[in-house]
Amino acid sequence: MADVEKEPEKTIAEDLVVTKYKLAGEIVNKTLKTVIGLCVVDASVREICTKGDNLLTEETGKVYKKEKDLKKGIAFPTCLSVNNCVCHFSPAKNDADYTLKAGDVVKIDLGAHIDGFIAVAAHTIVVGASADQKISGRQADVILGAYWAVQAALRLLKAGSNNYSITDAVQQISESYKCKPIEGMLSHELKQFKIDGEKTIIQNPSEAQRKEHEKCTFEKHEVYAIDVIVSTGDGVGREKDTKVSIYKKSEENYMLKLKASRALLAEVKTKYGNMPFNIRSFEEETKARMGVVECVAHKMIEPFQVLYEKPTEIVAQFKHTVLLMPNGVNLVTGINFDVDSYVSENSIAQAELKELVAQPLGPVKGKGKGKKAASGSAAAVATKVESAPAVETKA
């Protein structure tokens, strides 16, 4: 059998790869909608995250059944980060849970993959919000700031453009809403079985990060997870005492000493490969927790830290998976956002950015198979996601 590493890299220049991304995207969008429906007053975050993960596993299990060696499943475990929690909150069985309350601002973040082709998404909601009661104040500022910042980013992501054009637009729009992007957060290029590709877009970099972070130019047939996280506070995420539950195998090698560590690593390699996983998914969570300590100490497994803003602040997030096709961008994840449910005294200050977000998003008609986004309000246009082609799911 040919060495896997020597096989040419599969990209969205192949129709089948596009189909797999779109199929993973459909599963992510469906799961995201279901999870949002579960976000009600008095609901347990742990239970919602568990249901989200079960649904991602179940739905990916229904496709490509005949291809026994084709890997598929969760690409990013379901997280519900509430209010000032920035990211990665998804408590394991023995960790402290959180019960949702009316008015909580909840960021839902999750992902799936088919054959290593990853689709991820994040969306922000307010628990108990109703159509007749508009959301206002700082909640509206931060959610609208994040929403319009991601819309600008999606329109600036095109072949030939550079990553800092997005960094700057996200900064300017967030500041228009008197908010700040979370410092140093990255949007990554996605590759087969790799959620953290080389090319990245940084948001709100510190001086040191700006010097270190590499400039890059986007090229056609690349795929990106465009992730925007905005705060009403100073934009710095800090670790608290919340236990990490999400981890990912790295490329490091080390002779592990503990039996529990070796058992954990063997199971991770088999079940998850290089995809992030939740410690909650292990039957014996206590043993897995013991094993993960040595793996993390020797950098064989990387933790996804749970970060927080100051207790009085609110954080919002939107994330989309985008294919850079020759005829324009193709969104494979993202669900409708009702911009009219939010009222803010602030708006985008820069005329050119206001104009940018009003432009239709999507493949250009006549340059390929893509359909042009339907006309309508900027908000309706902004969230148009092309439906994926039908895929055979033979049993």
Protein backbone atom coordinates (compact mmCIF):
# COMPACT_ATOMS: atom_id res chain seq x y z
CA MET A 1 0.00 0.00 0.00
CA ALA A 2 1.27 3.49 -0.84
CA ASP A 3 2.60 5.60 2.00
CA VAL A 4 -0.26 7.90 3.07
CA GLU A 5 2.09 10.87 3.53
CA LYS A 6 3.19 10.71 -0.11
CA GLU A 7 -0.33 10.89 -1.49
CA PRO A 8 -1.09 14.30 -3.01
CA GLU A 9 -3.08 16.58 -0.73
CA LYS A 10 -6.81 16.46 -1.43
CA THR A 11 -8.37 19.89 -1.95
CA ILE A 12 -11.70 21.38 -2.97
CA ALA A 13 -10.46 21.36 -6.58
CA GLU A 14 -12.08 17.88 -6.47
CA ASP A 15 -15.89 17.76 -6.53
CA LEU A 16 -15.97 14.82 -4.13
CA VAL A 17 -14.04 16.81 -1.52
CA VAL A 18 -16.49 19.73 -1.88
CA THR A 19 -19.36 17.27 -1.42
CA LYS A 20 -17.83 15.92 1.80
CA TYR A 21 -17.31 19.44 3.21
CA LYS A 22 -20.90 20.37 2.35
CA LEU A 23 -22.26 17.18 3.85
CA ALA A 24 -20.31 17.77 7.09
CA GLY A 25 -21.62 21.36 6.99
CA GLU A 26 -25.24 20.21 6.70
CA ILE A 27 -24.76 17.94 9.73
CA VAL A 28 -23.19 20.79 11.72
CA ASN A 29 -25.98 23.23 10.83
CA LYS A 30 -28.68 20.68 11.71
CA THR A 31 -27.00 19.89 15.05
CA LEU A 32 -26.49 23.60 15.80
CA LYS A 33 -30.22 24.26 15.32
CA THR A 34 -31.12 21.33 17.58
CA VAL A 35 -28.70 22.49 20.29
CA ILE A 36 -30.12 26.03 20.14
CA GLY A 37 -33.58 24.54 20.70
CA LEU A 38 -32.28 22.85 23.88
CA CYS A 39 -30.95 26.13 25.32
CA VAL A 40 -33.86 26.92 27.65
CA VAL A 41 -34.11 28.18 31.23
CA ASP A 42 -32.98 25.55 33.81
CA ALA A 43 -31.29 23.33 31.18
CA SER A 44 -27.97 21.67 32.05
CA VAL A 45 -25.01 22.72 29.88
CA ARG A 46 -23.40 19.30 30.34
CA GLU A 47 -26.55 17.52 29.12
CA ILE A 48 -26.90 19.83 26.10
CA CYS A 49 -23.23 19.32 25.13
CA THR A 50 -23.61 15.55 25.49
CA LYS A 51 -26.73 15.58 23.28
CA GLY A 52 -24.92 17.73 20.72
CA ASP A 53 -22.00 15.28 20.56
CA ASN A 54 -24.33 12.29 20.34
CA LEU A 55 -26.17 13.92 17.43
CA LEU A 56 -22.92 14.71 15.56
CA THR A 57 -21.83 11.07 15.97
CA GLU A 58 -25.25 9.71 14.98
CA GLU A 59 -25.61 11.91 11.87
CA THR A 60 -22.07 11.32 10.57
CA GLY A 61 -22.66 7.60 11.16
CA LYS A 62 -25.49 7.61 8.61
CA VAL A 63 -23.32 8.56 5.64
CA TYR A 64 -20.77 6.60 3.57
CA LYS A 65 -21.74 3.42 5.43
CA LYS A 66 -20.28 1.14 2.77
CA GLU A 67 -16.83 2.72 3.04
CA LYS A 68 -15.75 0.95 6.23
CA ASP A 69 -12.31 2.60 6.39
CA LEU A 70 -13.61 6.13 5.91
CA LYS A 71 -13.22 8.06 9.16
CA LYS A 72 -15.99 10.46 10.23
CA GLY A 73 -17.45 11.93 13.38
CA ILE A 74 -16.89 14.86 15.73
CA ALA A 75 -14.33 17.44 14.58
CA PHE A 76 -14.91 19.71 17.56
CA PRO A 77 -16.90 18.68 20.65
CA THR A 78 -20.01 20.71 21.48
CA CYS A 79 -19.24 23.67 23.77
CA LEU A 80 -21.64 26.09 25.45
CA SER A 81 -19.72 29.08 26.80
CA VAL A 82 -22.01 31.41 28.74
CA ASN A 83 -21.82 35.19 29.32
CA ASN A 84 -18.21 36.09 30.28
CA CYS A 85 -16.88 32.60 29.46
CA VAL A 86 -14.93 33.04 26.21
CA CYS A 87 -14.63 29.47 24.92
CA HIS A 88 -14.30 25.68 25.38
CA PHE A 89 -16.78 25.15 28.25
CA SER A 90 -18.08 21.59 27.93
CA PRO A 91 -18.05 19.95 31.38
CA ALA A 92 -17.16 16.27 31.78
CA LYS A 93 -19.20 13.95 34.03
CA ASN A 94 -17.28 14.81 37.21
CA ASP A 95 -16.89 18.55 36.50
CA ALA A 96 -19.03 21.40 37.77
CA ASP A 97 -22.07 21.92 35.51
CA TYR A 98 -23.87 25.19 34.70
CA THR A 99 -27.65 25.68 34.61
CA LEU A 100 -28.93 28.13 32.00
CA LYS A 101 -30.82 31.22 33.18
CA ALA A 102 -33.07 33.68 31.35
CA GLY A 103 -30.98 36.38 29.67
CA ASP A 104 -27.79 34.28 29.49
CA VAL A 105 -25.71 34.94 26.36
CA VAL A 106 -24.70 31.50 25.07
CA LYS A 107 -22.02 30.76 22.49
CA ILE A 108 -22.50 27.34 20.86
CA ASP A 109 -19.43 25.93 19.13
CA LEU A 110 -19.19 22.51 17.43
CA GLY A 111 -17.87 20.63 14.40
CA ALA A 112 -18.06 17.43 12.35
CA HIS A 113 -15.92 15.80 9.69
CA ILE A 114 -16.40 13.35 6.84
CA ASP A 115 -13.17 11.64 5.73
CA GLY A 116 -11.20 14.29 7.62
CA PHE A 117 -12.88 17.21 5.81
CA ILE A 118 -13.90 19.48 8.66
CA ALA A 119 -16.91 21.76 9.06
CA VAL A 120 -17.15 23.89 12.20
CA ALA A 121 -19.62 26.57 13.30
CA ALA A 122 -20.39 28.83 16.23
CA HIS A 123 -23.47 30.94 16.94
CA THR A 124 -24.61 33.19 19.79
CA ILE A 125 -28.09 33.29 21.32
CA VAL A 126 -29.82 34.83 24.34
CA VAL A 127 -31.72 32.33 26.52
CA GLY A 128 -35.44 33.03 26.72
CA ALA A 129 -35.37 35.77 24.08
CA SER A 130 -38.63 36.16 22.15
CA ALA A 131 -39.45 37.79 18.81
CA ASP A 132 -41.60 40.52 20.41
CA GLN A 133 -38.94 41.55 22.92
CA LYS A 134 -35.86 43.03 21.29
CA ILE A 135 -32.44 42.58 22.85
CA SER A 136 -30.69 45.85 23.66
CA GLY A 137 -27.87 47.38 25.69
CA ARG A 138 -24.46 45.74 25.94
CA GLN A 139 -25.85 42.32 24.95
CA ALA A 140 -26.97 43.77 21.61
CA ASP A 141 -23.69 45.69 21.17
CA VAL A 142 -21.47 42.64 21.57
CA ILE A 143 -23.65 40.25 19.54
CA LEU A 144 -24.09 42.73 16.67
CA GLY A 145 -20.40 43.65 16.83
CA ALA A 146 -19.38 40.00 16.46
CA TYR A 147 -22.02 39.31 13.80
CA TRP A 148 -21.12 42.23 11.52
CA ALA A 149 -17.39 41.64 12.08
CA VAL A 150 -17.72 38.05 10.83
CA GLN A 151 -19.80 39.24 7.87
CA ALA A 152 -17.01 41.65 6.90
CA ALA A 153 -14.42 38.88 7.34
CA LEU A 154 -16.36 36.53 5.03
CA ARG A 155 -16.43 39.20 2.32
CA LEU A 156 -12.71 39.97 2.65
CA LEU A 157 -11.74 36.32 2.39
CA LYS A 158 -10.82 35.96 -1.26
CA ALA A 159 -7.93 34.73 -3.35
CA GLY A 160 -5.21 37.37 -3.50
CA SER A 161 -6.25 39.18 -0.29
CA ASN A 162 -4.16 39.09 2.90
CA ASN A 163 -4.98 38.04 6.43
CA TYR A 164 -4.44 41.46 8.03
CA SER A 165 -7.24 43.04 5.97
CA ILE A 166 -9.58 40.80 8.02
CA THR A 167 -7.75 41.46 11.32
CA ASP A 168 -8.22 45.22 10.81
CA ALA A 169 -11.88 45.04 9.74
CA VAL A 170 -12.82 42.85 12.73
CA GLN A 171 -11.08 45.35 15.04
CA GLN A 172 -12.80 48.40 13.51
CA ILE A 173 -16.31 46.92 13.53
CA SER A 174 -15.96 45.62 17.12
CA GLU A 175 -14.80 49.07 18.23
CA SER A 176 -17.75 50.69 16.40
CA TYR A 177 -19.94 48.78 18.88
CA LYS A 178 -17.68 49.85 21.81
CA CYS A 179 -16.39 46.28 22.11
CA LYS A 180 -13.07 44.50 21.57
CA PRO A 181 -12.16 41.23 19.84
CA ILE A 182 -10.58 38.67 22.20
CA GLU A 183 -6.82 39.16 21.95
CA GLY A 184 -4.79 36.67 19.95
CA MET A 185 -7.63 34.37 18.86
CA LEU A 186 -6.90 32.65 15.54
CA SER A 187 -8.99 31.59 12.54
CA HIS A 188 -7.26 28.63 10.88
CA GLU A 189 -7.00 27.22 7.42
CA LEU A 190 -8.56 23.73 7.42
CA LYS A 191 -6.97 20.74 5.72
CA GLN A 192 -7.86 17.05 5.63
CA PHE A 193 -7.63 15.76 9.23
CA LYS A 194 -6.09 19.08 10.34
CA ILE A 195 -8.20 21.64 12.22
CA ASP A 196 -5.28 24.03 12.77
CA GLY A 197 -3.63 24.56 9.37
CA GLU A 198 -0.55 26.75 8.82
CA LYS A 199 -2.28 29.88 7.52
CA THR A 200 -4.10 31.87 10.18
CA ILE A 201 -5.97 35.13 10.72
CA ILE A 202 -5.32 36.72 14.11
CA GLN A 203 -7.74 39.05 15.88
CA ASN A 204 -6.77 41.93 18.16
CA PRO A 205 -3.05 41.03 18.28
CA SER A 206 -0.82 42.48 21.00
CA GLU A 207 2.35 44.22 19.78
CA ALA A 208 4.38 41.06 20.37
CA GLN A 209 1.80 38.88 18.58
CA ARG A 210 1.71 41.28 15.62
CA LYS A 211 5.49 40.97 15.23
CA GLU A 212 5.43 37.17 15.49
CA HIS A 213 2.29 36.40 13.51
CA GLU A 214 2.93 35.70 9.85
CA LYS A 215 1.25 37.62 7.08
CA CYS A 216 -0.24 35.40 4.39
CA THR A 217 -2.19 35.65 1.16
CA PHE A 218 -5.32 33.59 0.56
CA GLU A 219 -5.42 31.31 -2.47
CA LYS A 220 -8.22 29.57 -4.34
CA HIS A 221 -9.16 26.05 -3.24
CA GLU A 222 -8.29 26.82 0.39
CA VAL A 223 -10.75 26.27 3.24
CA TYR A 224 -10.98 28.42 6.38
CA ALA A 225 -12.81 28.40 9.69
CA ILE A 226 -13.55 32.11 10.14
CA ASP A 227 -13.96 32.60 13.89
CA VAL A 228 -14.79 35.94 15.48
CA ILE A 229 -15.05 36.31 19.29
CA VAL A 230 -15.87 39.76 20.68
CA SER A 231 -16.15 41.08 24.24
CA THR A 232 -17.70 44.07 25.99
CA GLY A 233 -14.54 44.17 28.14
CA ASP A 234 -10.83 44.63 27.51
CA GLY A 235 -10.64 41.62 25.19
CA VAL A 236 -8.27 39.48 27.25
CA GLY A 237 -9.22 35.85 27.96
CA ARG A 238 -7.92 34.45 31.25
CA GLU A 239 -7.79 30.94 32.68
CA LYS A 240 -9.71 30.36 35.91
CA ASP A 241 -10.16 27.18 37.90
CA THR A 242 -12.46 25.45 35.37
CA LYS A 243 -11.08 22.05 34.43
CA VAL A 244 -10.09 21.52 30.81
CA SER A 245 -12.25 18.83 29.16
CA ILE A 246 -11.27 19.23 25.47
CA TYR A 247 -7.90 18.03 24.20
CA LYS A 248 -6.18 17.18 20.92
CA LYS A 249 -3.30 14.86 20.05
CA SER A 250 -0.17 16.65 18.84
CA GLU A 251 2.66 15.37 16.64
CA GLU A 252 5.10 15.09 19.59
CA ASN A 253 6.54 11.73 20.59
CA TYR A 254 7.63 10.55 24.04
CA MET A 255 7.91 7.20 25.84
CA LEU A 256 5.06 7.51 28.35
CA LYS A 257 5.71 5.86 31.71
CA LEU A 258 2.21 5.40 33.13
CA LYS A 259 -0.06 2.60 31.95
CA ALA A 260 -3.08 4.95 32.12
CA SER A 261 -1.30 7.46 29.86
CA ARG A 262 -0.39 4.83 27.27
CA ALA A 263 -3.95 3.43 27.29
CA LEU A 264 -5.41 6.92 26.83
CA LEU A 265 -3.06 7.78 23.96
CA ALA A 266 -3.77 4.47 22.18
CA GLU A 267 -7.53 5.11 22.41
CA VAL A 268 -7.15 8.71 21.21
CA LYS A 269 -5.12 7.60 18.17
CA THR A 270 -7.70 4.97 17.24
CA LYS A 271 -10.90 6.90 17.93
CA TYR A 272 -10.03 10.54 17.26
CA GLY A 273 -6.68 10.74 15.46
CA ASN A 274 -5.74 14.43 15.36
CA MET A 275 -9.29 15.69 16.01
CA PRO A 276 -10.15 17.42 19.29
CA PHE A 277 -12.03 15.21 21.78
CA ASN A 278 -13.81 15.57 25.12
CA ILE A 279 -12.55 13.58 28.11
CA ARG A 280 -16.26 13.00 28.85
CA SER A 281 -16.44 10.52 25.96
CA PHE A 282 -14.20 8.00 27.77
CA GLU A 283 -15.98 5.24 29.67
CA GLU A 284 -13.64 5.54 32.63
CA GLU A 285 -13.29 9.28 32.95
CA THR A 286 -11.18 9.15 36.14
CA LYS A 287 -8.59 6.91 34.48
CA ALA A 288 -8.60 9.12 31.38
CA ARG A 289 -8.00 12.19 33.58
CA MET A 290 -5.02 10.43 35.18
CA GLY A 291 -3.60 9.51 31.78
CA VAL A 292 -4.04 12.93 30.23
CA VAL A 293 -1.79 14.61 32.84
CA GLU A 294 1.42 12.91 31.67
CA CYS A 295 0.43 13.30 27.99
CA VAL A 296 -0.06 17.07 28.46
CA ALA A 297 3.15 17.42 30.49
CA HIS A 298 5.11 16.01 27.53
CA LYS A 299 3.08 17.98 24.96
CA MET A 300 1.73 14.83 23.32
CA ILE A 301 -1.77 16.08 23.95
CA GLU A 302 -2.73 19.76 23.83
CA PRO A 303 -5.40 21.20 26.14
CA PHE A 304 -8.07 23.66 24.97
CA GLN A 305 -8.14 26.01 27.95
CA VAL A 306 -11.47 27.38 29.21
CA LEU A 307 -11.01 31.16 29.13
CA TYR A 308 -12.96 33.95 30.81
CA GLU A 309 -13.39 37.69 30.55
CA LYS A 310 -14.09 39.70 33.73
CA PRO A 311 -17.29 38.53 35.50
CA THR A 312 -19.39 41.55 34.48
CA GLU A 313 -18.51 41.33 30.77
CA ILE A 314 -20.28 39.52 27.91
CA VAL A 315 -18.66 37.64 25.03
CA ALA A 316 -20.24 36.77 21.64
CA GLN A 317 -18.97 34.48 18.88
CA PHE A 318 -19.78 33.56 15.27
CA LYS A 319 -17.84 31.01 13.23
CA HIS A 320 -18.28 29.81 9.64
CA THR A 321 -16.52 27.27 7.47
CA VAL A 322 -15.75 28.75 4.06
CA LEU A 323 -14.55 27.22 0.80
CA LEU A 324 -12.54 29.53 -1.46
CA MET A 325 -13.87 28.41 -4.84
CA PRO A 326 -12.72 29.90 -8.16
CA ASN A 327 -16.13 31.61 -8.48
CA GLY A 328 -16.12 33.11 -4.98
CA VAL A 329 -16.67 32.03 -1.39
CA ASN A 330 -18.97 29.18 -0.54
CA LEU A 331 -20.25 29.04 3.03
CA VAL A 332 -20.79 25.50 4.26
CA THR A 333 -21.76 26.33 7.84
CA GLY A 334 -23.79 29.03 9.49
CA ILE A 335 -27.47 29.46 10.27
CA ASN A 336 -29.83 32.42 10.03
CA PHE A 337 -29.34 35.30 12.43
CA ASP A 338 -32.25 37.70 12.91
CA VAL A 339 -30.48 41.03 13.01
CA ASP A 340 -33.80 42.86 13.55
CA SER A 341 -34.18 41.26 17.02
CA TYR A 342 -31.28 43.40 18.28
CA VAL A 343 -31.28 47.14 18.96
CA SER A 344 -28.06 49.07 19.50
CA GLU A 345 -27.29 52.77 19.68
CA ASN A 346 -24.08 51.93 17.82
CA SER A 347 -23.45 50.96 14.21
CA ILE A 348 -20.51 50.41 11.85
CA ALA A 349 -18.63 53.72 11.79
CA GLN A 350 -16.63 53.19 8.58
CA ALA A 351 -18.56 53.87 5.36
CA GLU A 352 -16.48 51.37 3.35
CA LEU A 353 -17.14 48.57 5.87
CA LYS A 354 -20.86 49.41 5.99
CA GLU A 355 -20.87 49.12 2.21
CA LEU A 356 -18.88 45.88 2.35
CA VAL A 357 -21.31 44.01 4.64
CA ALA A 358 -24.25 45.07 2.47
CA GLN A 359 -22.79 43.22 -0.52
CA PRO A 360 -24.19 39.80 -1.44
CA LEU A 361 -22.08 36.88 -0.33
CA GLY A 362 -21.57 33.73 -2.34
CA PRO A 363 -20.36 32.36 -5.65
CA VAL A 364 -20.73 34.63 -8.67
CA LYS A 365 -23.29 33.59 -11.27
CA GLY A 366 -21.88 32.53 -14.60
CA LYS A 367 -18.43 31.68 -13.19
CA GLY A 368 -19.33 28.16 -12.18
CA LYS A 369 -22.09 26.10 -10.65
CA GLY A 370 -22.72 28.56 -7.83
CA LYS A 371 -25.89 30.57 -7.49
CA LYS A 372 -25.80 34.24 -6.64
CA ALA A 373 -27.25 35.09 -3.26
CA ALA A 374 -30.87 36.22 -3.42
CA SER A 375 -31.45 39.94 -3.18
CA GLY A 376 -32.79 41.32 0.08
CA SER A 377 -31.60 43.02 3.22
CA ALA A 378 -27.90 42.82 4.07
CA ALA A 379 -28.75 40.51 6.96
CA ALA A 380 -30.70 38.09 4.79
CA VAL A 381 -27.97 38.07 2.15
CA ALA A 382 -25.24 37.75 4.73
CA THR A 383 -26.43 34.45 6.12
CA LYS A 384 -27.25 32.71 2.86
CA VAL A 385 -25.73 29.25 2.89
CA GLU A 386 -25.80 27.19 -0.26
CA SER A 387 -27.37 23.82 0.33
CA ALA A 388 -25.13 20.85 -0.23
CA PRO A 389 -25.72 18.50 -3.14
CA ALA A 390 -27.54 15.27 -2.37
CA VAL A 391 -25.14 12.53 -1.36
CA GLU A 392 -25.82 8.85 -1.56
CA THR A 393 -25.90 7.26 1.89
CA LYS A 394 -26.12 3.62 0.93
CA ALA A 395 -26.55 1.29 3.85
